[in-house]
């Protein structure tokens, strides 16, 4: 019997646009691609907002990776972890031509952080640096006190991200199976979806575990094999 594998595994450390399953978020993915496009009128600012688990961080990291793949420089900044944006004098500012700012709403209600973000975004705009930023809330609903920052956050395109559910989760299972080279029957897919948490990250983690299990055993996945390998699936 194969050893039981725990859930969860760490998320994919290198998200890509190709590994992003859009489901109901096709428009958001299209706008990110437009932001990264070299031809035509450039999109300089894009906000992607949505609940936890809707794919915001994946898109930001994937965009930075795609931009670097074009031979350009990108910086991903998680403002919740950093406590706010870096000063405009930060050396990274001069090097990056794309900034991906995560968790922008964390500056709300903190005067010094709000001012720092306003100055930072102004510097990006003045230097025509592209910015992709993410928040749980749309720009108009982020409770910042600084009027200038409210105005600046409202500049640019906005895309809403929805957490995948229902048919989209079934599509995500099939998408991940194809991405990982797994042969997955409809019956096995239904078995997994009936037991997995209704959360995209749980689906992705599960599929990665199944891929490791299949590779380690050298066998095609079956329901008994999944049941024996994954403790949570019983």
C-alpha atoms as a PDB file:
ATOM      1  CA  UNK A   1       0.000   0.000   0.000  1.00  0.00           C
ATOM      2  CA  UNK A   2       1.419   3.442  -0.878  1.00  0.00           C
ATOM      3  CA  UNK A   3       2.317   5.763   1.949  1.00  0.00           C
ATOM      4  CA  UNK A   4      -0.414   8.251   2.790  1.00  0.00           C
ATOM      5  CA  UNK A   5       0.343  11.779   1.595  1.00  0.00           C
ATOM      6  CA  UNK A   6      -0.712  14.739   3.727  1.00  0.00           C
ATOM      7  CA  UNK A   7      -2.731  17.693   2.516  1.00  0.00           C
ATOM      8  CA  UNK A   8      -1.682  20.377   1.858  1.00  0.00           C
ATOM      9  CA  UNK A   9       1.548  20.604  -0.097  1.00  0.00           C
ATOM     10  CA  UNK A  10       3.126  24.023  -0.709  1.00  0.00           C
ATOM     11  CA  UNK A  11       1.690  25.856  -3.688  1.00  0.00           C
ATOM     12  CA  UNK A  12       3.557  25.882  -6.973  1.00  0.00           C
ATOM     13  CA  UNK A  13       6.503  28.255  -6.375  1.00  0.00           C
ATOM     14  CA  UNK A  14       6.522  29.347 -10.021  1.00  0.00           C
ATOM     15  CA  UNK A  15       2.984  30.230 -11.130  1.00  0.00           C
ATOM     16  CA  UNK A  16       2.657  30.980 -14.826  1.00  0.00           C
ATOM     17  CA  UNK A  17      -0.044  32.397 -17.070  1.00  0.00           C
ATOM     18  CA  UNK A  18      -0.197  29.016 -18.770  1.00  0.00           C
ATOM     19  CA  UNK A  19      -0.991  27.284 -15.461  1.00  0.00           C
ATOM     20  CA  UNK A  20      -3.787  29.722 -14.581  1.00  0.00           C
ATOM     21  CA  UNK A  21      -7.219  28.218 -15.181  1.00  0.00           C
ATOM     22  CA  UNK A  22      -9.481  31.222 -15.806  1.00  0.00           C
ATOM     23  CA  UNK A  23     -12.950  29.703 -15.581  1.00  0.00           C
ATOM     24  CA  UNK A  24     -15.173  32.733 -14.973  1.00  0.00           C
ATOM     25  CA  UNK A  25     -12.102  34.995 -14.892  1.00  0.00           C
ATOM     26  CA  UNK A  26     -11.371  35.120 -18.620  1.00  0.00           C
ATOM     27  CA  UNK A  27     -11.662  38.909 -18.741  1.00  0.00           C
ATOM     28  CA  UNK A  28      -9.153  39.361 -15.923  1.00  0.00           C
ATOM     29  CA  UNK A  29      -6.643  37.088 -17.626  1.00  0.00           C
ATOM     30  CA  UNK A  30      -7.136  38.963 -20.883  1.00  0.00           C
ATOM     31  CA  UNK A  31      -6.455  42.315 -19.229  1.00  0.00           C
ATOM     32  CA  UNK A  32      -3.291  40.973 -17.594  1.00  0.00           C
ATOM     33  CA  UNK A  33      -2.110  39.823 -21.027  1.00  0.00           C
ATOM     34  CA  UNK A  34      -2.943  43.286 -22.395  1.00  0.00           C
ATOM     35  CA  UNK A  35      -0.866  44.876 -19.628  1.00  0.00           C
ATOM     36  CA  UNK A  36       2.071  42.702 -20.673  1.00  0.00           C
ATOM     37  CA  UNK A  37       1.651  43.271 -24.417  1.00  0.00           C
ATOM     38  CA  UNK A  38       4.437  44.992 -26.288  1.00  0.00           C
ATOM     39  CA  UNK A  39       2.357  46.041 -29.309  1.00  0.00           C
ATOM     40  CA  UNK A  40      -0.382  48.662 -29.416  1.00  0.00           C
ATOM     41  CA  UNK A  41      -1.379  51.207 -26.804  1.00  0.00           C
ATOM     42  CA  UNK A  42       0.007  49.951 -23.480  1.00  0.00           C
ATOM     43  CA  UNK A  43      -2.217  49.395 -20.464  1.00  0.00           C
ATOM     44  CA  UNK A  44      -0.242  50.991 -17.652  1.00  0.00           C
ATOM     45  CA  UNK A  45      -2.356  50.181 -14.592  1.00  0.00           C
ATOM     46  CA  UNK A  46      -4.617  47.256 -13.735  1.00  0.00           C
ATOM     47  CA  UNK A  47      -6.350  46.351 -10.482  1.00  0.00           C
ATOM     48  CA  UNK A  48      -7.430  42.742  -9.936  1.00  0.00           C
ATOM     49  CA  UNK A  49      -9.773  42.413  -6.968  1.00  0.00           C
ATOM     50  CA  UNK A  50     -11.544  39.438  -5.458  1.00  0.00           C
ATOM     51  CA  UNK A  51     -11.819  37.190  -2.409  1.00  0.00           C
ATOM     52  CA  UNK A  52      -9.110  34.952  -1.026  1.00  0.00           C
ATOM     53  CA  UNK A  53      -8.549  31.963  -3.294  1.00  0.00           C
ATOM     54  CA  UNK A  54      -9.669  33.730  -6.469  1.00  0.00           C
ATOM     55  CA  UNK A  55      -6.191  33.681  -8.042  1.00  0.00           C
ATOM     56  CA  UNK A  56      -4.928  37.221  -7.420  1.00  0.00           C
ATOM     57  CA  UNK A  57      -1.468  36.254  -6.182  1.00  0.00           C
ATOM     58  CA  UNK A  58      -1.100  33.621  -8.911  1.00  0.00           C
ATOM     59  CA  UNK A  59      -1.795  36.241 -11.587  1.00  0.00           C
ATOM     60  CA  UNK A  60       0.609  38.770 -10.086  1.00  0.00           C
ATOM     61  CA  UNK A  61       3.457  36.261  -9.771  1.00  0.00           C
ATOM     62  CA  UNK A  62       2.714  34.863 -13.231  1.00  0.00           C
ATOM     63  CA  UNK A  63       2.716  38.346 -14.759  1.00  0.00           C
ATOM     64  CA  UNK A  64       6.088  39.137 -13.184  1.00  0.00           C
ATOM     65  CA  UNK A  65       7.455  35.848 -14.501  1.00  0.00           C
ATOM     66  CA  UNK A  66       6.114  36.479 -18.009  1.00  0.00           C
ATOM     67  CA  UNK A  67       7.559  40.007 -18.034  1.00  0.00           C
ATOM     68  CA  UNK A  68      10.978  38.717 -17.034  1.00  0.00           C
ATOM     69  CA  UNK A  69      10.625  36.114 -19.773  1.00  0.00           C
ATOM     70  CA  UNK A  70      10.554  38.997 -22.246  1.00  0.00           C
ATOM     71  CA  UNK A  71      13.958  40.091 -20.976  1.00  0.00           C
ATOM     72  CA  UNK A  72      12.506  42.873 -18.815  1.00  0.00           C
ATOM     73  CA  UNK A  73      12.580  43.566 -15.104  1.00  0.00           C
ATOM     74  CA  UNK A  74       9.657  43.033 -12.743  1.00  0.00           C
ATOM     75  CA  UNK A  75       9.194  43.270  -9.001  1.00  0.00           C
ATOM     76  CA  UNK A  76       6.521  41.493  -6.948  1.00  0.00           C
ATOM     77  CA  UNK A  77       5.797  43.180  -3.627  1.00  0.00           C
ATOM     78  CA  UNK A  78       3.444  41.699  -1.021  1.00  0.00           C
ATOM     79  CA  UNK A  79       2.517  44.833   0.931  1.00  0.00           C
ATOM     80  CA  UNK A  80       1.034  42.842   3.823  1.00  0.00           C
ATOM     81  CA  UNK A  81       4.392  41.183   4.414  1.00  0.00           C
ATOM     82  CA  UNK A  82       6.433  44.323   3.753  1.00  0.00           C
ATOM     83  CA  UNK A  83       4.175  46.607   5.774  1.00  0.00           C
ATOM     84  CA  UNK A  84       3.773  48.983   2.841  1.00  0.00           C
ATOM     85  CA  UNK A  85       5.411  50.099  -0.394  1.00  0.00           C
ATOM     86  CA  UNK A  86       9.136  50.829  -0.598  1.00  0.00           C
ATOM     87  CA  UNK A  87      10.235  54.457  -0.888  1.00  0.00           C
ATOM     88  CA  UNK A  88      10.615  55.751  -4.424  1.00  0.00           C
ATOM     89  CA  UNK A  89      14.351  56.016  -3.794  1.00  0.00           C
ATOM     90  CA  UNK A  90      14.564  52.233  -3.390  1.00  0.00           C
ATOM     91  CA  UNK A  91      17.120  50.850  -5.854  1.00  0.00           C
ATOM     92  CA  UNK A  92      14.575  48.382  -7.186  1.00  0.00           C
ATOM     93  CA  UNK A  93      12.420  51.234  -8.471  1.00  0.00           C
ATOM     94  CA  UNK A  94      14.989  52.216 -11.073  1.00  0.00           C
ATOM     95  CA  UNK A  95      15.388  48.624 -12.279  1.00  0.00           C
ATOM     96  CA  UNK A  96      11.797  47.443 -12.633  1.00  0.00           C
ATOM     97  CA  UNK A  97       9.541  48.281 -15.550  1.00  0.00           C
ATOM     98  CA  UNK A  98       6.635  46.303 -14.058  1.00  0.00           C
ATOM     99  CA  UNK A  99       5.504  46.329 -10.449  1.00  0.00           C
ATOM    100  CA  UNK A 100       3.060  43.766  -9.085  1.00  0.00           C
ATOM    101  CA  UNK A 101       1.657  44.997  -5.781  1.00  0.00           C
ATOM    102  CA  UNK A 102      -0.282  42.511  -3.651  1.00  0.00           C
ATOM    103  CA  UNK A 103      -2.545  43.208  -0.657  1.00  0.00           C
ATOM    104  CA  UNK A 104      -2.884  46.930  -1.401  1.00  0.00           C
ATOM    105  CA  UNK A 105      -5.785  47.301   1.037  1.00  0.00           C
ATOM    106  CA  UNK A 106      -3.435  46.839   4.031  1.00  0.00           C
ATOM    107  CA  UNK A 107      -2.356  50.493   3.809  1.00  0.00           C
ATOM    108  CA  UNK A 108      -5.925  51.724   4.531  1.00  0.00           C
ATOM    109  CA  UNK A 109      -6.235  53.748   7.720  1.00  0.00           C
ATOM    110  CA  UNK A 110      -2.465  54.144   8.100  1.00  0.00           C
ATOM    111  CA  UNK A 111      -1.611  57.740   7.122  1.00  0.00           C
ATOM    112  CA  UNK A 112       2.104  57.195   6.588  1.00  0.00           C
ATOM    113  CA  UNK A 113       1.517  54.066   4.492  1.00  0.00           C
ATOM    114  CA  UNK A 114      -1.213  55.727   2.454  1.00  0.00           C
ATOM    115  CA  UNK A 115       1.061  58.680   1.686  1.00  0.00           C
ATOM    116  CA  UNK A 116       3.933  56.338   0.798  1.00  0.00           C
ATOM    117  CA  UNK A 117       1.723  54.375  -1.606  1.00  0.00           C
ATOM    118  CA  UNK A 118       0.441  57.578  -3.219  1.00  0.00           C
ATOM    119  CA  UNK A 119       3.990  58.838  -3.798  1.00  0.00           C
ATOM    120  CA  UNK A 120       5.067  55.425  -5.061  1.00  0.00           C
ATOM    121  CA  UNK A 121       2.197  55.146  -7.559  1.00  0.00           C
ATOM    122  CA  UNK A 122       2.797  58.692  -8.762  1.00  0.00           C
ATOM    123  CA  UNK A 123       6.440  57.866  -9.422  1.00  0.00           C
ATOM    124  CA  UNK A 124       5.419  54.763 -11.357  1.00  0.00           C
ATOM    125  CA  UNK A 125       2.952  56.724 -13.469  1.00  0.00           C
ATOM    126  CA  UNK A 126       5.396  59.573 -14.146  1.00  0.00           C
ATOM    127  CA  UNK A 127       8.014  57.094 -15.334  1.00  0.00           C
ATOM    128  CA  UNK A 128       5.468  55.057 -17.348  1.00  0.00           C
ATOM    129  CA  UNK A 129       6.177  51.962 -15.280  1.00  0.00           C
ATOM    130  CA  UNK A 130       3.390  49.408 -15.579  1.00  0.00           C
ATOM    131  CA  UNK A 131       1.653  48.386 -12.384  1.00  0.00           C
ATOM    132  CA  UNK A 132      -0.559  45.391 -11.659  1.00  0.00           C
ATOM    133  CA  UNK A 133      -2.066  45.504  -8.206  1.00  0.00           C
ATOM    134  CA  UNK A 134      -4.417  43.340  -6.220  1.00  0.00           C
ATOM    135  CA  UNK A 135      -6.896  43.861  -3.426  1.00  0.00           C
ATOM    136  CA  UNK A 136      -9.821  42.048  -1.850  1.00  0.00           C
ATOM    137  CA  UNK A 137     -11.991  45.056  -2.682  1.00  0.00           C
ATOM    138  CA  UNK A 138     -12.490  47.179  -5.819  1.00  0.00           C
ATOM    139  CA  UNK A 139     -10.676  50.536  -5.791  1.00  0.00           C
ATOM    140  CA  UNK A 140     -13.731  52.541  -4.751  1.00  0.00           C
ATOM    141  CA  UNK A 141     -14.341  50.328  -1.702  1.00  0.00           C
ATOM    142  CA  UNK A 142     -10.841  50.424  -0.219  1.00  0.00           C
ATOM    143  CA  UNK A 143     -11.262  52.550   2.907  1.00  0.00           C
ATOM    144  CA  UNK A 144      -8.313  54.899   2.482  1.00  0.00           C
ATOM    145  CA  UNK A 145      -8.465  58.343   4.086  1.00  0.00           C
ATOM    146  CA  UNK A 146      -6.143  60.199   1.703  1.00  0.00           C
ATOM    147  CA  UNK A 147      -8.258  61.706  -1.117  1.00  0.00           C
ATOM    148  CA  UNK A 148      -5.308  61.817  -3.518  1.00  0.00           C
ATOM    149  CA  UNK A 149      -4.704  58.090  -3.011  1.00  0.00           C
ATOM    150  CA  UNK A 150      -8.399  57.297  -3.567  1.00  0.00           C
ATOM    151  CA  UNK A 151      -8.159  59.149  -6.873  1.00  0.00           C
ATOM    152  CA  UNK A 152      -4.918  57.438  -7.859  1.00  0.00           C
ATOM    153  CA  UNK A 153      -6.263  53.959  -7.092  1.00  0.00           C
ATOM    154  CA  UNK A 154      -9.235  54.647  -9.357  1.00  0.00           C
ATOM    155  CA  UNK A 155      -6.954  55.342 -12.313  1.00  0.00           C
ATOM    156  CA  UNK A 156      -6.547  52.470 -14.748  1.00  0.00           C
ATOM    157  CA  UNK A 157      -8.430  49.301 -15.639  1.00  0.00           C
ATOM    158  CA  UNK A 158     -10.235  47.112 -13.103  1.00  0.00           C
ATOM    159  CA  UNK A 159     -10.941  43.374 -13.263  1.00  0.00           C
ATOM    160  CA  UNK A 160     -13.003  41.388 -10.806  1.00  0.00           C
ATOM    161  CA  UNK A 161     -11.843  37.885  -9.916  1.00  0.00           C
ATOM    162  CA  UNK A 162     -14.321  35.269  -8.739  1.00  0.00           C
ATOM    163  CA  UNK A 163     -13.437  32.168  -6.745  1.00  0.00           C
ATOM    164  CA  UNK A 164     -13.986  29.076  -8.864  1.00  0.00           C
ATOM    165  CA  UNK A 165     -16.954  26.896  -7.947  1.00  0.00           C
ATOM    166  CA  UNK A 166     -19.260  24.299  -9.445  1.00  0.00           C
ATOM    167  CA  UNK A 167     -18.512  23.613 -13.101  1.00  0.00           C
ATOM    168  CA  UNK A 168     -15.377  25.734 -12.903  1.00  0.00           C
ATOM    169  CA  UNK A 169     -13.930  23.435 -10.213  1.00  0.00           C
ATOM    170  CA  UNK A 170     -14.629  20.446 -12.435  1.00  0.00           C
ATOM    171  CA  UNK A 171     -12.881  22.293 -15.240  1.00  0.00           C
ATOM    172  CA  UNK A 172      -9.947  23.033 -12.927  1.00  0.00           C
ATOM    173  CA  UNK A 173      -9.544  19.319 -12.118  1.00  0.00           C
ATOM    174  CA  UNK A 174      -9.445  18.444 -15.839  1.00  0.00           C
ATOM    175  CA  UNK A 175      -7.097  21.373 -16.556  1.00  0.00           C
ATOM    176  CA  UNK A 176      -4.665  20.364 -13.813  1.00  0.00           C
ATOM    177  CA  UNK A 177      -4.766  16.726 -14.914  1.00  0.00           C
ATOM    178  CA  UNK A 178      -3.812  17.757 -18.448  1.00  0.00           C
ATOM    179  CA  UNK A 179      -1.128  20.122 -17.166  1.00  0.00           C
ATOM    180  CA  UNK A 180       0.432  17.350 -15.054  1.00  0.00           C
ATOM    181  CA  UNK A 181       0.020  14.604 -17.659  1.00  0.00           C
ATOM    182  CA  UNK A 182      -2.445  12.631 -15.534  1.00  0.00           C
ATOM    183  CA  UNK A 183      -5.043  10.270 -16.942  1.00  0.00           C
ATOM    184  CA  UNK A 184      -8.184  10.950 -14.922  1.00  0.00           C
ATOM    185  CA  UNK A 185     -11.494   9.196 -15.515  1.00  0.00           C
ATOM    186  CA  UNK A 186     -14.795  11.013 -15.044  1.00  0.00           C
ATOM    187  CA  UNK A 187     -15.581   8.664 -12.168  1.00  0.00           C
ATOM    188  CA  UNK A 188     -12.324   9.497 -10.390  1.00  0.00           C
ATOM    189  CA  UNK A 189     -12.818  13.216 -10.988  1.00  0.00           C
ATOM    190  CA  UNK A 190     -16.288  12.986  -9.421  1.00  0.00           C
ATOM    191  CA  UNK A 191     -14.844  11.020  -6.485  1.00  0.00           C
ATOM    192  CA  UNK A 192     -12.271  13.748  -5.839  1.00  0.00           C
ATOM    193  CA  UNK A 193     -14.718  16.639  -6.161  1.00  0.00           C
ATOM    194  CA  UNK A 194     -17.142  14.976  -3.748  1.00  0.00           C
ATOM    195  CA  UNK A 195     -14.440  14.901  -1.049  1.00  0.00           C
ATOM    196  CA  UNK A 196     -12.219  17.905  -1.676  1.00  0.00           C
ATOM    197  CA  UNK A 197     -12.784  21.256   0.036  1.00  0.00           C
ATOM    198  CA  UNK A 198     -14.546  23.582  -2.415  1.00  0.00           C
ATOM    199  CA  UNK A 199     -11.470  25.709  -2.826  1.00  0.00           C
ATOM    200  CA  UNK A 200      -9.203  26.048  -5.899  1.00  0.00           C
ATOM    201  CA  UNK A 201      -5.997  25.830  -3.857  1.00  0.00           C
ATOM    202  CA  UNK A 202      -7.127  22.524  -2.354  1.00  0.00           C
ATOM    203  CA  UNK A 203      -7.830  21.168  -5.849  1.00  0.00           C
ATOM    204  CA  UNK A 204      -4.423  22.268  -7.146  1.00  0.00           C
ATOM    205  CA  UNK A 205      -2.609  20.813  -4.147  1.00  0.00           C
ATOM    206  CA  UNK A 206      -4.498  17.546  -4.486  1.00  0.00           C
ATOM    207  CA  UNK A 207      -3.652  17.203  -8.161  1.00  0.00           C
ATOM    208  CA  UNK A 208       0.019  17.795  -7.453  1.00  0.00           C
ATOM    209  CA  UNK A 209      -0.070  15.111  -4.756  1.00  0.00           C
ATOM    210  CA  UNK A 210      -1.731  12.666  -7.136  1.00  0.00           C
ATOM    211  CA  UNK A 211       0.905  13.393  -9.765  1.00  0.00           C
ATOM    212  CA  UNK A 212       3.667  12.578  -7.259  1.00  0.00           C
ATOM    213  CA  UNK A 213       1.839   9.448  -6.185  1.00  0.00           C
ATOM    214  CA  UNK A 214       1.386   8.243  -9.767  1.00  0.00           C
ATOM    215  CA  UNK A 215       5.026   8.907 -10.620  1.00  0.00           C
ATOM    216  CA  UNK A 216       6.284   7.191  -7.466  1.00  0.00           C
ATOM    217  CA  UNK A 217       4.187   4.068  -8.052  1.00  0.00           C
ATOM    218  CA  UNK A 218       4.461   4.008 -11.837  1.00  0.00           C
ATOM    219  CA  UNK A 219       0.740   3.249 -11.985  1.00  0.00           C
ATOM    220  CA  UNK A 220      -2.316   4.891 -13.480  1.00  0.00           C
ATOM    221  CA  UNK A 221      -4.566   6.538 -10.886  1.00  0.00           C
ATOM    222  CA  UNK A 222      -7.595   4.605  -9.661  1.00  0.00           C
ATOM    223  CA  UNK A 223     -10.092   5.270  -6.898  1.00  0.00           C
ATOM    224  CA  UNK A 224      -8.610   2.547  -4.601  1.00  0.00           C
ATOM    225  CA  UNK A 225      -5.142   3.956  -5.190  1.00  0.00           C
ATOM    226  CA  UNK A 226      -6.308   7.492  -4.365  1.00  0.00           C
ATOM    227  CA  UNK A 227      -8.201   6.264  -1.313  1.00  0.00           C
ATOM    228  CA  UNK A 228      -5.139   4.417  -0.010  1.00  0.00           C
ATOM    229  CA  UNK A 229      -2.723   7.250  -0.782  1.00  0.00           C
ATOM    230  CA  UNK A 230      -4.554  10.321   0.473  1.00  0.00           C
ATOM    231  CA  UNK A 231      -5.657  10.213   4.090  1.00  0.00           C
ATOM    232  CA  UNK A 232      -8.331  12.912   3.656  1.00  0.00           C
ATOM    233  CA  UNK A 233     -10.101  11.085   0.762  1.00  0.00           C
ATOM    234  CA  UNK A 234     -11.715   8.293   2.784  1.00  0.00           C
END
